[in-house]
């Protein structure tokens, strides 16, 4: 295993170090929180948590946190589109 030297994490106005989730690996956009993803899906956080619990939606675990790759979320939406008759 090799170690990658990483730049220091930025510190927010509250003095807490924040981890930028953008530009990690192949990602072009930052990961979304449950609140962000629920807003994108125009649904409640409770409904989204149900989808997560039933493993009906793709998500990323970052430690104990649940995040969503915006590209995967868009793909999930596209896969559920119903064509007009």
C-alpha atoms as a PDB file:
ATOM      1  CA  UNK A   1       0.000   0.000   0.000  1.00  0.00           C
ATOM      2  CA  UNK A   2       1.280   3.467  -0.775  1.00  0.00           C
ATOM      3  CA  UNK A   3       0.568   6.766   0.902  1.00  0.00           C
ATOM      4  CA  UNK A   4      -0.569   9.849  -0.941  1.00  0.00           C
ATOM      5  CA  UNK A   5       0.395  13.225   0.437  1.00  0.00           C
ATOM      6  CA  UNK A   6      -2.775  15.251   0.737  1.00  0.00           C
ATOM      7  CA  UNK A   7      -3.159  18.981   1.218  1.00  0.00           C
ATOM      8  CA  UNK A   8      -4.390  20.260   4.560  1.00  0.00           C
ATOM      9  CA  UNK A   9      -8.153  20.351   4.914  1.00  0.00           C
ATOM     10  CA  UNK A  10      -9.813  23.768   4.771  1.00  0.00           C
ATOM     11  CA  UNK A  11     -11.214  25.117   8.016  1.00  0.00           C
ATOM     12  CA  UNK A  12     -14.796  26.417   8.027  1.00  0.00           C
ATOM     13  CA  UNK A  13     -15.891  29.605   9.748  1.00  0.00           C
ATOM     14  CA  UNK A  14     -16.872  27.527  12.793  1.00  0.00           C
ATOM     15  CA  UNK A  15     -13.287  26.286  13.093  1.00  0.00           C
ATOM     16  CA  UNK A  16     -14.079  22.727  11.993  1.00  0.00           C
ATOM     17  CA  UNK A  17     -11.982  21.055   9.323  1.00  0.00           C
ATOM     18  CA  UNK A  18     -14.114  20.198   6.337  1.00  0.00           C
ATOM     19  CA  UNK A  19     -13.446  17.428   3.866  1.00  0.00           C
ATOM     20  CA  UNK A  20     -14.021  18.460   0.262  1.00  0.00           C
ATOM     21  CA  UNK A  21     -15.700  15.581  -1.538  1.00  0.00           C
ATOM     22  CA  UNK A  22     -15.183  16.952  -5.018  1.00  0.00           C
ATOM     23  CA  UNK A  23     -12.579  15.665  -7.435  1.00  0.00           C
ATOM     24  CA  UNK A  24     -12.174  12.381  -5.569  1.00  0.00           C
ATOM     25  CA  UNK A  25     -11.165   9.624  -7.963  1.00  0.00           C
ATOM     26  CA  UNK A  26     -13.278   9.794 -11.125  1.00  0.00           C
ATOM     27  CA  UNK A  27     -15.903  12.165  -9.765  1.00  0.00           C
ATOM     28  CA  UNK A  28     -16.542  15.514 -11.366  1.00  0.00           C
ATOM     29  CA  UNK A  29     -19.025  16.797  -8.789  1.00  0.00           C
ATOM     30  CA  UNK A  30     -19.124  16.664  -4.999  1.00  0.00           C
ATOM     31  CA  UNK A  31     -21.076  13.911  -3.298  1.00  0.00           C
ATOM     32  CA  UNK A  32     -24.572  14.840  -2.162  1.00  0.00           C
ATOM     33  CA  UNK A  33     -25.970  14.566   1.349  1.00  0.00           C
ATOM     34  CA  UNK A  34     -29.314  12.911   2.024  1.00  0.00           C
ATOM     35  CA  UNK A  35     -30.921  16.364   2.180  1.00  0.00           C
ATOM     36  CA  UNK A  36     -29.363  17.371  -1.157  1.00  0.00           C
ATOM     37  CA  UNK A  37     -30.383  14.120  -2.850  1.00  0.00           C
ATOM     38  CA  UNK A  38     -33.929  14.333  -1.472  1.00  0.00           C
ATOM     39  CA  UNK A  39     -34.201  17.864  -2.839  1.00  0.00           C
ATOM     40  CA  UNK A  40     -32.900  16.718  -6.244  1.00  0.00           C
ATOM     41  CA  UNK A  41     -35.493  13.920  -6.276  1.00  0.00           C
ATOM     42  CA  UNK A  42     -38.227  16.282  -5.038  1.00  0.00           C
ATOM     43  CA  UNK A  43     -39.046  13.890  -2.208  1.00  0.00           C
ATOM     44  CA  UNK A  44     -38.728  13.803   1.550  1.00  0.00           C
ATOM     45  CA  UNK A  45     -35.632  12.696   3.418  1.00  0.00           C
ATOM     46  CA  UNK A  46     -37.784  10.052   5.098  1.00  0.00           C
ATOM     47  CA  UNK A  47     -38.754   8.548   1.723  1.00  0.00           C
ATOM     48  CA  UNK A  48     -35.127   8.588   0.587  1.00  0.00           C
ATOM     49  CA  UNK A  49     -34.024   6.877   3.810  1.00  0.00           C
ATOM     50  CA  UNK A  50     -36.598   4.166   3.047  1.00  0.00           C
ATOM     51  CA  UNK A  51     -35.062   3.676  -0.399  1.00  0.00           C
ATOM     52  CA  UNK A  52     -31.643   3.400   1.244  1.00  0.00           C
ATOM     53  CA  UNK A  53     -32.896   0.921   3.860  1.00  0.00           C
ATOM     54  CA  UNK A  54     -34.479  -1.284   1.167  1.00  0.00           C
ATOM     55  CA  UNK A  55     -31.327  -0.916  -1.002  1.00  0.00           C
ATOM     56  CA  UNK A  56     -33.441   0.479  -3.863  1.00  0.00           C
ATOM     57  CA  UNK A  57     -31.040   3.335  -4.573  1.00  0.00           C
ATOM     58  CA  UNK A  58     -27.279   3.432  -5.006  1.00  0.00           C
ATOM     59  CA  UNK A  59     -25.397   5.260  -2.243  1.00  0.00           C
ATOM     60  CA  UNK A  60     -21.877   5.712  -0.913  1.00  0.00           C
ATOM     61  CA  UNK A  61     -20.858   5.123   2.686  1.00  0.00           C
ATOM     62  CA  UNK A  62     -18.247   7.564   3.969  1.00  0.00           C
ATOM     63  CA  UNK A  63     -17.565   6.184   7.416  1.00  0.00           C
ATOM     64  CA  UNK A  64     -21.009   6.213   9.013  1.00  0.00           C
ATOM     65  CA  UNK A  65     -22.294   8.901   6.632  1.00  0.00           C
ATOM     66  CA  UNK A  66     -24.479   8.237   3.593  1.00  0.00           C
ATOM     67  CA  UNK A  67     -23.689  10.196   0.437  1.00  0.00           C
ATOM     68  CA  UNK A  68     -24.796  10.083  -3.189  1.00  0.00           C
ATOM     69  CA  UNK A  69     -22.764  10.356  -6.365  1.00  0.00           C
ATOM     70  CA  UNK A  70     -24.697  12.909  -8.469  1.00  0.00           C
ATOM     71  CA  UNK A  71     -23.880  11.005 -11.672  1.00  0.00           C
ATOM     72  CA  UNK A  72     -25.266   7.767 -10.220  1.00  0.00           C
ATOM     73  CA  UNK A  73     -28.328   9.618  -8.954  1.00  0.00           C
ATOM     74  CA  UNK A  74     -29.005  10.985 -12.447  1.00  0.00           C
ATOM     75  CA  UNK A  75     -28.530   7.485 -13.888  1.00  0.00           C
ATOM     76  CA  UNK A  76     -30.972   6.115 -11.289  1.00  0.00           C
ATOM     77  CA  UNK A  77     -33.521   8.746 -12.342  1.00  0.00           C
ATOM     78  CA  UNK A  78     -33.008   7.972 -16.042  1.00  0.00           C
ATOM     79  CA  UNK A  79     -33.459   4.244 -15.414  1.00  0.00           C
ATOM     80  CA  UNK A  80     -36.882   4.900 -13.893  1.00  0.00           C
ATOM     81  CA  UNK A  81     -38.295   7.111 -16.626  1.00  0.00           C
ATOM     82  CA  UNK A  82     -41.547   5.794 -18.069  1.00  0.00           C
ATOM     83  CA  UNK A  83     -42.074   6.411 -21.775  1.00  0.00           C
ATOM     84  CA  UNK A  84     -45.315   7.982 -22.960  1.00  0.00           C
ATOM     85  CA  UNK A  85     -47.618   5.739 -24.943  1.00  0.00           C
END
